[in-house]
Amino acid sequence: MELHQLEYFVAVADEEGFTRAAARLRVAQPGVSAQIRKLERELGLPLLDRTTRSVRLTAAGEAVLPFARAALTAVEGARQVADELSGLKRGRVAVGTVNSHTVDLATILADFHARWPGIEITLVEDASGRLADAVREGRLDAAIVAYAQEPEGLDLHVVTDEAIDAAVWIGHELAARETIRLTDLRDRALVCLPRGGGIRAVLDAACAEAGFTPRVAFEAGSPTVIEQLAARRLGIAILPESIARHREHLHPLRIIEPELRGRLGLAWRQGGPPSPAAVAWLDHARSYL
């Protein structure tokens, strides 16, 4: 049994005819017929019913077809891995990211593509919890996630680890202070990232430990929107210090008792990503981060 015999058989089954199969394979029709007859002789059973105008599979053909497809898929996979190992000519990488961070992901992706143009890269945005699940389940090779505690089943490269601040508009009654206790935020309107992100998870957990639920007046997926809402006096913003302390229209307050910290990391499944292309992307991204 030869590989091209299986390829011809699958093509005839898909196209329901020798002429269309030969055109798809770019070979002569007699050659297709001859190779399939050889395959039938080797198996000892007819695979195709040639008595009608269109070619149909026999019962034996129906049974053999899934195995023929699987064999062709396995061979293609082996070729792809060999190509990736020899020069990363081909492959696929699926990357996820939270929708707001300071990582220059566009440059990382662009430089990787310039180095390995044959590798297909896909990028998705989602909440940290769902991204972590996708990495654990193998739907993503790696993801930039925000987290309070290290996600189970994942390895992490820490990108940032910084304090979480409260930020008020200039002229707010708290603008003369440098710090604020967490419990002092109990009854104040807050502007926060939505549930599912690392900063929000840290805030919710700390408030629960202190015996109250934060009063969230507005949620926004972008820190830029959060700071704009706070500047317009719609609530106290909860932001990472790298943002809260670099906005002229906001005054930052360090949250204390307890101090809150937010973390951003590049996460991948423990044991490493499954393909050479993904390993190359991970090494490339870590060298930047």
C-alpha atoms as a PDB file:
ATOM      1  CA  MET A   1       0.000   0.000   0.000  1.00  0.00           C
ATOM      2  CA  GLU A   2       1.402   3.369  -1.043  1.00  0.00           C
ATOM      3  CA  LEU A   3       0.549   6.829   0.193  1.00  0.00           C
ATOM      4  CA  HIS A   4      -0.460   8.185  -3.206  1.00  0.00           C
ATOM      5  CA  GLN A   5      -2.951   5.335  -3.586  1.00  0.00           C
ATOM      6  CA  LEU A   6      -4.727   6.526  -0.453  1.00  0.00           C
ATOM      7  CA  GLU A   7      -4.570  10.101  -1.701  1.00  0.00           C
ATOM      8  CA  TYR A   8      -6.171   9.111  -5.013  1.00  0.00           C
ATOM      9  CA  PHE A   9      -8.863   7.089  -3.240  1.00  0.00           C
ATOM     10  CA  VAL A  10      -9.793  10.000  -0.953  1.00  0.00           C
ATOM     11  CA  ALA A  11      -9.926  12.377  -3.918  1.00  0.00           C
ATOM     12  CA  VAL A  12     -12.259  10.098  -5.892  1.00  0.00           C
ATOM     13  CA  ALA A  13     -14.491   9.673  -2.835  1.00  0.00           C
ATOM     14  CA  ASP A  14     -14.647  13.430  -2.295  1.00  0.00           C
ATOM     15  CA  GLU A  15     -15.250  14.300  -5.949  1.00  0.00           C
ATOM     16  CA  GLU A  16     -17.502  11.285  -6.658  1.00  0.00           C
ATOM     17  CA  GLY A  17     -15.732  10.712  -9.941  1.00  0.00           C
ATOM     18  CA  PHE A  18     -12.373   9.895 -11.533  1.00  0.00           C
ATOM     19  CA  THR A  19     -12.305  12.853 -13.921  1.00  0.00           C
ATOM     20  CA  ARG A  20     -12.815  15.482 -11.229  1.00  0.00           C
ATOM     21  CA  ALA A  21     -10.402  13.688  -8.897  1.00  0.00           C
ATOM     22  CA  ALA A  22      -7.708  13.616 -11.591  1.00  0.00           C
ATOM     23  CA  ALA A  23      -8.210  17.342 -12.217  1.00  0.00           C
ATOM     24  CA  ARG A  24      -7.920  18.067  -8.499  1.00  0.00           C
ATOM     25  CA  LEU A  25      -4.749  15.986  -8.235  1.00  0.00           C
ATOM     26  CA  ARG A  26      -3.368  17.287 -11.551  1.00  0.00           C
ATOM     27  CA  VAL A  27      -2.646  13.804 -12.854  1.00  0.00           C
ATOM     28  CA  ALA A  28      -3.985  11.728 -15.724  1.00  0.00           C
ATOM     29  CA  GLN A  29      -7.284   9.934 -15.127  1.00  0.00           C
ATOM     30  CA  PRO A  30      -5.998   6.462 -16.197  1.00  0.00           C
ATOM     31  CA  GLY A  31      -3.270   6.741 -13.582  1.00  0.00           C
ATOM     32  CA  VAL A  32      -5.850   7.390 -10.856  1.00  0.00           C
ATOM     33  CA  SER A  33      -7.935   4.390 -11.953  1.00  0.00           C
ATOM     34  CA  ALA A  34      -4.897   2.119 -12.120  1.00  0.00           C
ATOM     35  CA  GLN A  35      -3.625   3.027  -8.652  1.00  0.00           C
ATOM     36  CA  ILE A  36      -7.016   2.533  -7.012  1.00  0.00           C
ATOM     37  CA  ARG A  37      -7.351  -0.886  -8.693  1.00  0.00           C
ATOM     38  CA  LYS A  38      -3.969  -1.815  -7.201  1.00  0.00           C
ATOM     39  CA  LEU A  39      -5.194  -0.699  -3.793  1.00  0.00           C
ATOM     40  CA  GLU A  40      -8.362  -2.776  -4.147  1.00  0.00           C
ATOM     41  CA  ARG A  41      -6.355  -5.849  -5.156  1.00  0.00           C
ATOM     42  CA  GLU A  42      -4.106  -5.444  -2.133  1.00  0.00           C
ATOM     43  CA  LEU A  43      -7.082  -5.110   0.217  1.00  0.00           C
ATOM     44  CA  GLY A  44      -9.015  -7.886  -1.533  1.00  0.00           C
ATOM     45  CA  LEU A  45     -12.237  -5.854  -1.716  1.00  0.00           C
ATOM     46  CA  PRO A  46     -13.778  -3.339  -4.120  1.00  0.00           C
ATOM     47  CA  LEU A  47     -13.776   0.161  -2.637  1.00  0.00           C
ATOM     48  CA  LEU A  48     -15.791   1.908  -5.345  1.00  0.00           C
ATOM     49  CA  ASP A  49     -18.992   1.093  -7.190  1.00  0.00           C
ATOM     50  CA  ARG A  50     -18.356   1.987 -10.831  1.00  0.00           C
ATOM     51  CA  THR A  51     -21.689   0.781 -12.222  1.00  0.00           C
ATOM     52  CA  THR A  52     -23.478   4.124 -11.946  1.00  0.00           C
ATOM     53  CA  ARG A  53     -22.863   7.459 -13.669  1.00  0.00           C
ATOM     54  CA  SER A  54     -21.239   8.780 -10.509  1.00  0.00           C
ATOM     55  CA  VAL A  55     -18.735   6.781  -8.538  1.00  0.00           C
ATOM     56  CA  ARG A  56     -20.019   5.616  -5.149  1.00  0.00           C
ATOM     57  CA  LEU A  57     -18.282   4.034  -2.193  1.00  0.00           C
ATOM     58  CA  THR A  58     -18.953   0.401  -1.433  1.00  0.00           C
ATOM     59  CA  ALA A  59     -19.452  -0.738   2.156  1.00  0.00           C
ATOM     60  CA  ALA A  60     -15.734  -1.575   2.246  1.00  0.00           C
ATOM     61  CA  GLY A  61     -14.918   1.853   0.837  1.00  0.00           C
ATOM     62  CA  GLU A  62     -16.995   3.547   3.533  1.00  0.00           C
ATOM     63  CA  ALA A  63     -15.096   1.592   6.177  1.00  0.00           C
ATOM     64  CA  VAL A  64     -11.640   2.286   4.725  1.00  0.00           C
ATOM     65  CA  LEU A  65     -12.163   6.006   3.971  1.00  0.00           C
ATOM     66  CA  PRO A  66     -11.738   7.337   7.589  1.00  0.00           C
ATOM     67  CA  PHE A  67      -8.470   5.427   7.950  1.00  0.00           C
ATOM     68  CA  ALA A  68      -7.211   6.757   4.627  1.00  0.00           C
ATOM     69  CA  ARG A  69      -7.997  10.321   5.693  1.00  0.00           C
ATOM     70  CA  ALA A  70      -6.312   9.771   9.056  1.00  0.00           C
ATOM     71  CA  ALA A  71      -3.183   8.408   7.383  1.00  0.00           C
ATOM     72  CA  LEU A  72      -2.925  11.420   5.069  1.00  0.00           C
ATOM     73  CA  THR A  73      -3.478  13.798   7.990  1.00  0.00           C
ATOM     74  CA  ALA A  74      -0.783  12.072  10.035  1.00  0.00           C
ATOM     75  CA  VAL A  75       1.713  12.280   7.179  1.00  0.00           C
ATOM     76  CA  GLU A  76       0.976  15.973   6.661  1.00  0.00           C
ATOM     77  CA  GLY A  77       1.435  16.558  10.383  1.00  0.00           C
ATOM     78  CA  ALA A  78       4.771  14.766  10.321  1.00  0.00           C
ATOM     79  CA  ARG A  79       5.910  16.871   7.385  1.00  0.00           C
ATOM     80  CA  GLN A  80       4.865  20.066   9.137  1.00  0.00           C
ATOM     81  CA  VAL A  81       6.714  19.183  12.335  1.00  0.00           C
ATOM     82  CA  ALA A  82       9.807  18.261  10.331  1.00  0.00           C
ATOM     83  CA  ASP A  83       9.634  21.589   8.515  1.00  0.00           C
ATOM     84  CA  GLU A  84       9.220  23.431  11.792  1.00  0.00           C
ATOM     85  CA  LEU A  85      12.160  21.644  13.376  1.00  0.00           C
ATOM     86  CA  SER A  86      14.422  22.184  10.386  1.00  0.00           C
ATOM     87  CA  GLY A  87      13.656  25.836   9.839  1.00  0.00           C
ATOM     88  CA  LEU A  88      10.234  26.771  11.191  1.00  0.00           C
ATOM     89  CA  LYS A  89       8.975  27.243   7.646  1.00  0.00           C
ATOM     90  CA  ARG A  90       5.394  26.538   8.603  1.00  0.00           C
ATOM     91  CA  GLY A  91       3.220  26.277  11.676  1.00  0.00           C
ATOM     92  CA  ARG A  92       0.530  27.973  13.696  1.00  0.00           C
ATOM     93  CA  VAL A  93       0.616  29.935  16.931  1.00  0.00           C
ATOM     94  CA  ALA A  94      -2.476  31.072  18.845  1.00  0.00           C
ATOM     95  CA  VAL A  95      -1.925  33.895  21.324  1.00  0.00           C
ATOM     96  CA  GLY A  96      -4.332  35.586  23.742  1.00  0.00           C
ATOM     97  CA  THR A  97      -4.191  38.848  25.639  1.00  0.00           C
ATOM     98  CA  VAL A  98      -6.168  40.936  28.070  1.00  0.00           C
ATOM     99  CA  ASN A  99      -7.410  44.102  26.408  1.00  0.00           C
ATOM    100  CA  SER A 100      -5.424  46.696  28.339  1.00  0.00           C
ATOM    101  CA  HIS A 101      -1.754  46.592  29.298  1.00  0.00           C
ATOM    102  CA  THR A 102       1.563  48.288  28.588  1.00  0.00           C
ATOM    103  CA  VAL A 103       3.136  45.440  26.608  1.00  0.00           C
ATOM    104  CA  ASP A 104       4.073  46.376  23.032  1.00  0.00           C
ATOM    105  CA  LEU A 105       2.520  43.201  21.689  1.00  0.00           C
ATOM    106  CA  ALA A 106       2.258  44.594  18.148  1.00  0.00           C
ATOM    107  CA  THR A 107       6.044  44.904  17.913  1.00  0.00           C
ATOM    108  CA  ILE A 108       6.594  41.428  19.354  1.00  0.00           C
ATOM    109  CA  LEU A 109       4.220  39.919  16.782  1.00  0.00           C
ATOM    110  CA  ALA A 110       5.584  41.969  13.881  1.00  0.00           C
ATOM    111  CA  ASP A 111       9.201  41.062  14.611  1.00  0.00           C
ATOM    112  CA  PHE A 112       8.296  37.397  14.971  1.00  0.00           C
ATOM    113  CA  HIS A 113       6.460  37.477  11.627  1.00  0.00           C
ATOM    114  CA  ALA A 114       9.453  39.137   9.960  1.00  0.00           C
ATOM    115  CA  ARG A 115      11.712  36.361  11.243  1.00  0.00           C
ATOM    116  CA  TRP A 116       9.339  33.461  10.488  1.00  0.00           C
ATOM    117  CA  PRO A 117       6.911  34.687   7.793  1.00  0.00           C
ATOM    118  CA  GLY A 118       5.565  31.208   7.110  1.00  0.00           C
ATOM    119  CA  ILE A 119       4.124  30.765  10.605  1.00  0.00           C
ATOM    120  CA  GLU A 120       0.479  31.756  10.932  1.00  0.00           C
ATOM    121  CA  ILE A 121      -0.306  33.763  14.075  1.00  0.00           C
ATOM    122  CA  THR A 122      -3.767  34.362  15.516  1.00  0.00           C
ATOM    123  CA  LEU A 123      -4.534  36.785  18.347  1.00  0.00           C
ATOM    124  CA  VAL A 124      -7.623  36.952  20.556  1.00  0.00           C
ATOM    125  CA  GLU A 125      -8.634  39.306  23.366  1.00  0.00           C
ATOM    126  CA  ASP A 126     -10.594  38.113  26.386  1.00  0.00           C
ATOM    127  CA  ALA A 127     -10.815  38.232  30.161  1.00  0.00           C
ATOM    128  CA  SER A 128      -7.896  36.740  32.077  1.00  0.00           C
ATOM    129  CA  GLY A 129      -9.843  33.802  33.492  1.00  0.00           C
ATOM    130  CA  ARG A 130     -11.057  32.652  30.098  1.00  0.00           C
ATOM    131  CA  LEU A 131      -7.607  33.127  28.579  1.00  0.00           C
ATOM    132  CA  ALA A 132      -6.057  30.975  31.297  1.00  0.00           C
ATOM    133  CA  ASP A 133      -8.646  28.246  30.639  1.00  0.00           C
ATOM    134  CA  ALA A 134      -7.912  28.376  26.916  1.00  0.00           C
ATOM    135  CA  VAL A 135      -4.166  27.952  27.530  1.00  0.00           C
ATOM    136  CA  ARG A 136      -4.761  25.048  29.925  1.00  0.00           C
ATOM    137  CA  GLU A 137      -7.075  23.359  27.391  1.00  0.00           C
ATOM    138  CA  GLY A 138      -4.654  23.847  24.503  1.00  0.00           C
ATOM    139  CA  ARG A 139      -6.833  26.269  22.517  1.00  0.00           C
ATOM    140  CA  LEU A 140      -4.157  28.927  22.989  1.00  0.00           C
ATOM    141  CA  ASP A 141      -0.407  28.435  23.062  1.00  0.00           C
ATOM    142  CA  ALA A 142       0.226  31.406  25.366  1.00  0.00           C
ATOM    143  CA  ALA A 143      -1.554  34.463  26.731  1.00  0.00           C
ATOM    144  CA  ILE A 144      -0.838  37.718  28.498  1.00  0.00           C
ATOM    145  CA  VAL A 145      -3.029  37.610  31.606  1.00  0.00           C
ATOM    146  CA  ALA A 146      -3.646  39.725  34.674  1.00  0.00           C
ATOM    147  CA  TYR A 147      -3.780  37.748  37.918  1.00  0.00           C
ATOM    148  CA  ALA A 148      -3.914  37.998  41.674  1.00  0.00           C
ATOM    149  CA  GLN A 149      -2.729  34.455  42.412  1.00  0.00           C
ATOM    150  CA  GLU A 150      -0.690  32.373  39.967  1.00  0.00           C
ATOM    151  CA  PRO A 151      -3.119  30.395  37.770  1.00  0.00           C
ATOM    152  CA  GLU A 152      -3.044  26.654  38.362  1.00  0.00           C
ATOM    153  CA  GLY A 153      -1.558  24.468  35.636  1.00  0.00           C
ATOM    154  CA  LEU A 154       0.349  27.311  33.999  1.00  0.00           C
ATOM    155  CA  ASP A 155       3.895  28.584  33.975  1.00  0.00           C
ATOM    156  CA  LEU A 156       4.384  32.346  34.090  1.00  0.00           C
ATOM    157  CA  HIS A 157       6.864  34.956  32.991  1.00  0.00           C
ATOM    158  CA  VAL A 158       6.138  38.003  35.154  1.00  0.00           C
ATOM    159  CA  VAL A 159       5.786  41.182  33.088  1.00  0.00           C
ATOM    160  CA  THR A 160       4.677  43.669  35.740  1.00  0.00           C
ATOM    161  CA  ASP A 161       4.054  43.553  39.473  1.00  0.00           C
ATOM    162  CA  GLU A 162       2.838  46.895  40.766  1.00  0.00           C
ATOM    163  CA  ALA A 163       0.648  48.519  43.370  1.00  0.00           C
ATOM    164  CA  ILE A 164      -3.009  49.223  42.692  1.00  0.00           C
ATOM    165  CA  ASP A 165      -3.961  52.829  43.430  1.00  0.00           C
ATOM    166  CA  ALA A 166      -7.139  54.788  43.891  1.00  0.00           C
ATOM    167  CA  ALA A 167      -7.230  57.964  41.776  1.00  0.00           C
ATOM    168  CA  VAL A 168      -9.476  60.988  42.315  1.00  0.00           C
ATOM    169  CA  TRP A 169     -10.097  64.091  40.250  1.00  0.00           C
ATOM    170  CA  ILE A 170      -8.182  67.249  41.035  1.00  0.00           C
ATOM    171  CA  GLY A 171     -10.151  69.171  43.646  1.00  0.00           C
ATOM    172  CA  HIS A 172     -11.632  66.071  45.280  1.00  0.00           C
ATOM    173  CA  GLU A 173     -11.737  66.159  49.084  1.00  0.00           C
ATOM    174  CA  LEU A 174      -9.204  63.323  49.170  1.00  0.00           C
ATOM    175  CA  ALA A 175      -6.762  65.032  46.786  1.00  0.00           C
ATOM    176  CA  ALA A 176      -4.728  66.416  49.678  1.00  0.00           C
ATOM    177  CA  ARG A 177      -3.890  62.908  50.901  1.00  0.00           C
ATOM    178  CA  GLU A 178      -1.249  60.433  49.735  1.00  0.00           C
ATOM    179  CA  THR A 179      -2.819  57.212  51.022  1.00  0.00           C
ATOM    180  CA  ILE A 180      -6.242  55.785  51.747  1.00  0.00           C
ATOM    181  CA  ARG A 181      -7.225  52.733  53.753  1.00  0.00           C
ATOM    182  CA  LEU A 182      -9.183  50.116  51.890  1.00  0.00           C
ATOM    183  CA  THR A 183     -12.074  50.392  54.337  1.00  0.00           C
ATOM    184  CA  ASP A 184     -12.340  54.117  53.583  1.00  0.00           C
ATOM    185  CA  LEU A 185     -13.533  53.150  50.115  1.00  0.00           C
ATOM    186  CA  ARG A 186     -16.464  51.181  51.527  1.00  0.00           C
ATOM    187  CA  ASP A 187     -19.247  53.641  50.693  1.00  0.00           C
ATOM    188  CA  ARG A 188     -17.609  55.564  47.862  1.00  0.00           C
ATOM    189  CA  ALA A 189     -18.532  55.204  44.195  1.00  0.00           C
ATOM    190  CA  LEU A 190     -15.771  53.392  42.325  1.00  0.00           C
ATOM    191  CA  VAL A 191     -14.883  53.108  38.661  1.00  0.00           C
ATOM    192  CA  CYS A 192     -13.248  49.734  37.913  1.00  0.00           C
ATOM    193  CA  LEU A 193     -12.318  47.191  35.333  1.00  0.00           C
ATOM    194  CA  PRO A 194     -15.019  44.510  34.878  1.00  0.00           C
ATOM    195  CA  ARG A 195     -15.038  41.194  36.710  1.00  0.00           C
ATOM    196  CA  GLY A 196     -12.642  38.628  35.303  1.00  0.00           C
ATOM    197  CA  GLY A 197      -9.551  40.823  35.274  1.00  0.00           C
ATOM    198  CA  GLY A 198      -6.719  40.561  37.754  1.00  0.00           C
ATOM    199  CA  ILE A 199      -7.068  44.054  39.266  1.00  0.00           C
ATOM    200  CA  ARG A 200     -10.788  43.634  39.821  1.00  0.00           C
ATOM    201  CA  ALA A 201     -10.234  40.190  41.337  1.00  0.00           C
ATOM    202  CA  VAL A 202      -7.687  41.641  43.780  1.00  0.00           C
ATOM    203  CA  LEU A 203     -10.061  44.449  44.764  1.00  0.00           C
ATOM    204  CA  ASP A 204     -13.070  42.164  45.244  1.00  0.00           C
ATOM    205  CA  ALA A 205     -11.090  39.648  47.297  1.00  0.00           C
ATOM    206  CA  ALA A 206      -9.576  42.321  49.539  1.00  0.00           C
ATOM    207  CA  CYS A 207     -12.953  43.968  50.133  1.00  0.00           C
ATOM    208  CA  ALA A 208     -14.546  40.626  50.956  1.00  0.00           C
ATOM    209  CA  GLU A 209     -11.763  39.955  53.455  1.00  0.00           C
ATOM    210  CA  ALA A 210     -12.480  43.362  54.992  1.00  0.00           C
ATOM    211  CA  GLY A 211     -16.178  42.535  55.276  1.00  0.00           C
ATOM    212  CA  PHE A 212     -17.782  44.619  52.536  1.00  0.00           C
ATOM    213  CA  THR A 213     -18.660  44.657  48.842  1.00  0.00           C
ATOM    214  CA  PRO A 214     -17.189  47.517  46.799  1.00  0.00           C
ATOM    215  CA  ARG A 215     -19.712  49.999  45.476  1.00  0.00           C
ATOM    216  CA  VAL A 216     -18.899  49.928  41.761  1.00  0.00           C
ATOM    217  CA  ALA A 217     -20.685  52.751  39.966  1.00  0.00           C
ATOM    218  CA  PHE A 218     -19.134  52.166  36.528  1.00  0.00           C
ATOM    219  CA  GLU A 219     -17.232  49.346  34.858  1.00  0.00           C
ATOM    220  CA  ALA A 220     -15.074  49.784  31.759  1.00  0.00           C
ATOM    221  CA  GLY A 221     -12.732  47.428  29.932  1.00  0.00           C
ATOM    222  CA  SER A 222     -10.180  50.143  29.200  1.00  0.00           C
ATOM    223  CA  PRO A 223      -8.092  52.033  31.789  1.00  0.00           C
ATOM    224  CA  THR A 224      -8.334  55.079  29.510  1.00  0.00           C
ATOM    225  CA  VAL A 225     -12.108  55.080  29.863  1.00  0.00           C
ATOM    226  CA  ILE A 226     -11.835  54.536  33.617  1.00  0.00           C
ATOM    227  CA  GLU A 227      -9.563  57.541  34.078  1.00  0.00           C
ATOM    228  CA  GLN A 228     -11.861  59.675  31.910  1.00  0.00           C
ATOM    229  CA  LEU A 229     -14.892  58.731  34.003  1.00  0.00           C
ATOM    230  CA  ALA A 230     -12.989  59.527  37.204  1.00  0.00           C
ATOM    231  CA  ALA A 231     -11.807  62.865  35.810  1.00  0.00           C
ATOM    232  CA  ARG A 232     -15.441  63.738  35.148  1.00  0.00           C
ATOM    233  CA  ARG A 233     -16.246  63.132  38.812  1.00  0.00           C
ATOM    234  CA  LEU A 234     -18.231  59.935  38.309  1.00  0.00           C
ATOM    235  CA  GLY A 235     -16.271  57.900  40.845  1.00  0.00           C
ATOM    236  CA  ILE A 236     -12.870  57.025  42.259  1.00  0.00           C
ATOM    237  CA  ALA A 237     -10.790  55.120  39.737  1.00  0.00           C
ATOM    238  CA  ILE A 238      -9.047  51.875  40.697  1.00  0.00           C
ATOM    239  CA  LEU A 239      -5.972  51.630  38.475  1.00  0.00           C
ATOM    240  CA  PRO A 240      -2.433  50.251  38.404  1.00  0.00           C
ATOM    241  CA  GLU A 241       0.063  52.811  39.667  1.00  0.00           C
ATOM    242  CA  SER A 242       1.755  53.092  36.271  1.00  0.00           C
ATOM    243  CA  ILE A 243      -1.442  54.699  34.993  1.00  0.00           C
ATOM    244  CA  ALA A 244      -2.794  56.409  38.106  1.00  0.00           C
ATOM    245  CA  ARG A 245       0.463  58.293  38.737  1.00  0.00           C
ATOM    246  CA  HIS A 246       0.962  59.577  35.207  1.00  0.00           C
ATOM    247  CA  ARG A 247      -2.282  61.423  34.515  1.00  0.00           C
ATOM    248  CA  GLU A 248      -2.366  65.188  35.001  1.00  0.00           C
ATOM    249  CA  HIS A 249      -6.105  65.249  35.668  1.00  0.00           C
ATOM    250  CA  LEU A 250      -5.964  62.643  38.450  1.00  0.00           C
ATOM    251  CA  HIS A 251      -4.464  62.530  41.934  1.00  0.00           C
ATOM    252  CA  PRO A 252      -3.220  59.067  43.015  1.00  0.00           C
ATOM    253  CA  LEU A 253      -3.781  57.582  46.469  1.00  0.00           C
ATOM    254  CA  ARG A 254      -1.871  54.504  47.598  1.00  0.00           C
ATOM    255  CA  ILE A 255      -4.346  51.960  48.988  1.00  0.00           C
ATOM    256  CA  ILE A 256      -3.097  50.638  52.337  1.00  0.00           C
ATOM    257  CA  GLU A 257      -4.212  48.242  55.048  1.00  0.00           C
ATOM    258  CA  PRO A 258      -3.803  46.163  52.997  1.00  0.00           C
ATOM    259  CA  GLU A 259      -1.732  47.344  50.062  1.00  0.00           C
ATOM    260  CA  LEU A 260      -3.125  45.897  46.839  1.00  0.00           C
ATOM    261  CA  ARG A 261      -0.945  44.653  44.006  1.00  0.00           C
ATOM    262  CA  GLY A 262      -1.766  43.696  40.434  1.00  0.00           C
ATOM    263  CA  ARG A 263       0.309  41.387  38.252  1.00  0.00           C
ATOM    264  CA  LEU A 264       0.598  40.856  34.532  1.00  0.00           C
ATOM    265  CA  GLY A 265       2.294  37.821  33.088  1.00  0.00           C
ATOM    266  CA  LEU A 266       2.872  35.755  29.985  1.00  0.00           C
ATOM    267  CA  ALA A 267       1.318  32.349  30.692  1.00  0.00           C
ATOM    268  CA  TRP A 268       1.759  28.992  28.978  1.00  0.00           C
ATOM    269  CA  ARG A 269       0.798  25.436  29.824  1.00  0.00           C
ATOM    270  CA  GLN A 270       3.073  23.616  32.249  1.00  0.00           C
ATOM    271  CA  GLY A 271       5.430  21.347  30.356  1.00  0.00           C
ATOM    272  CA  GLY A 272       5.737  23.830  27.517  1.00  0.00           C
ATOM    273  CA  PRO A 273       3.659  24.578  24.414  1.00  0.00           C
ATOM    274  CA  PRO A 274       2.902  21.646  22.090  1.00  0.00           C
ATOM    275  CA  SER A 275       4.557  22.698  18.804  1.00  0.00           C
ATOM    276  CA  PRO A 276       7.993  23.928  17.714  1.00  0.00           C
ATOM    277  CA  ALA A 277       6.374  27.082  16.290  1.00  0.00           C
ATOM    278  CA  ALA A 278       4.793  27.869  19.650  1.00  0.00           C
ATOM    279  CA  VAL A 279       8.078  27.211  21.453  1.00  0.00           C
ATOM    280  CA  ALA A 280       9.810  29.640  19.094  1.00  0.00           C
ATOM    281  CA  TRP A 281       7.157  32.304  19.684  1.00  0.00           C
ATOM    282  CA  LEU A 282       7.361  31.881  23.435  1.00  0.00           C
ATOM    283  CA  ASP A 283      11.151  32.218  23.436  1.00  0.00           C
ATOM    284  CA  HIS A 284      10.859  35.259  21.187  1.00  0.00           C
ATOM    285  CA  ALA A 285       8.226  36.949  23.398  1.00  0.00           C
ATOM    286  CA  ARG A 286      10.129  36.241  26.617  1.00  0.00           C
ATOM    287  CA  SER A 287      13.269  37.819  25.159  1.00  0.00           C
ATOM    288  CA  TYR A 288      11.282  41.051  24.739  1.00  0.00           C
ATOM    289  CA  LEU A 289       9.541  40.878  28.090  1.00  0.00           C
END
